[in-house]
């Protein structure tokens, strides 16, 4: 009752606004991309988008591009955010960054803060499952030193802070303009290398992509692992976005959502499954945490792990299979592939 009363109040406001119609033209992102808030869609944001969003809410229909405030769901706050945008030309975001663990390293680059969570290393780690095991004759294990791993995937906000511009939406796989907190995706090997090089110059540190062994070790919770079926839970819905659980999935096929909205794993790492595939530093899991040169991201074959939201269900945590993505120089962008930073502990 309270929800519908509030919506009716908003509808009165909408009727008043009809007398003084407001509109905002969508940016030209090409025919495949819809601007955030263009609910109808008709390549512009008008009062009609507000009434359409209210109508969807009254009918409890979330199968639309209606999460305009980037909080991972569609509700009354999206309507007020859309009205605010029409009045001011600025978005009102409801996104809240995840809590940063006490032992994490925190960095700020051009006003954008990101956290690197501490991952304690171990001997005799299986590079395939990520679990620590007793040595067995005939099997190979790797040693992983202490390191830090990005609490979340690299976001559009961080990418822009480092690179000085945004990723052209026409080059993205998703059919809409992402929020600043959505993970970057569809970047090339050269762009990744340039991003990391600039980040290192700005911070004075040596960031790199995680190796397969590092990523799998962190994914399973490291020394704090509870041996969950998925990273942080036995129930995939709690920790990962995938096709049947995301808002408006029926209307839009390939989507991403703001990072850090699901439950983290034992190390406080978010989105280790779902959202976007994550590109690894190397292609051989037996490399352990050894880094060859400044970066190996332009090797012929780079593995992408973790699964993407467009999957009907992400791969299970202990799987031995993975997808490969060719990221050699000149290859171009890898659709729905993002990155997560790693940093060796001194």
Foldseek 3Di string as FASTA:
>chain_A
DVQVVVLVVVVVVLVVCVVVKFKAAADCLDDLAAEQLCFVPDRIHISVSLVVLSVCVVVVAQQTSQQNQFQQGHGPVSSVQSVVCRVPVDGHHPDDDDDADPPWDWDAFQRDIWTWFKAAWAWQAQLQQLHHDDDDPPDDGGTAHIWTWTLEFAFQLLQCSQVVHGDRSNQAPWRYDADRQAFDAFFALVSVVSSQVSVCVRPVAQKAFFASNVLSNVQQPHPQGPRAFGAAHVDCLQAEAAQVNGGSCVVTQADAGGWDNHAHHNRSHGLLAERFWAWGQDDDSSCHRDADPSTNSQPQKIWTDRYYRNHNGTDISRDRDGDIDGRHPPPGTDHRYTHMMMGGDD
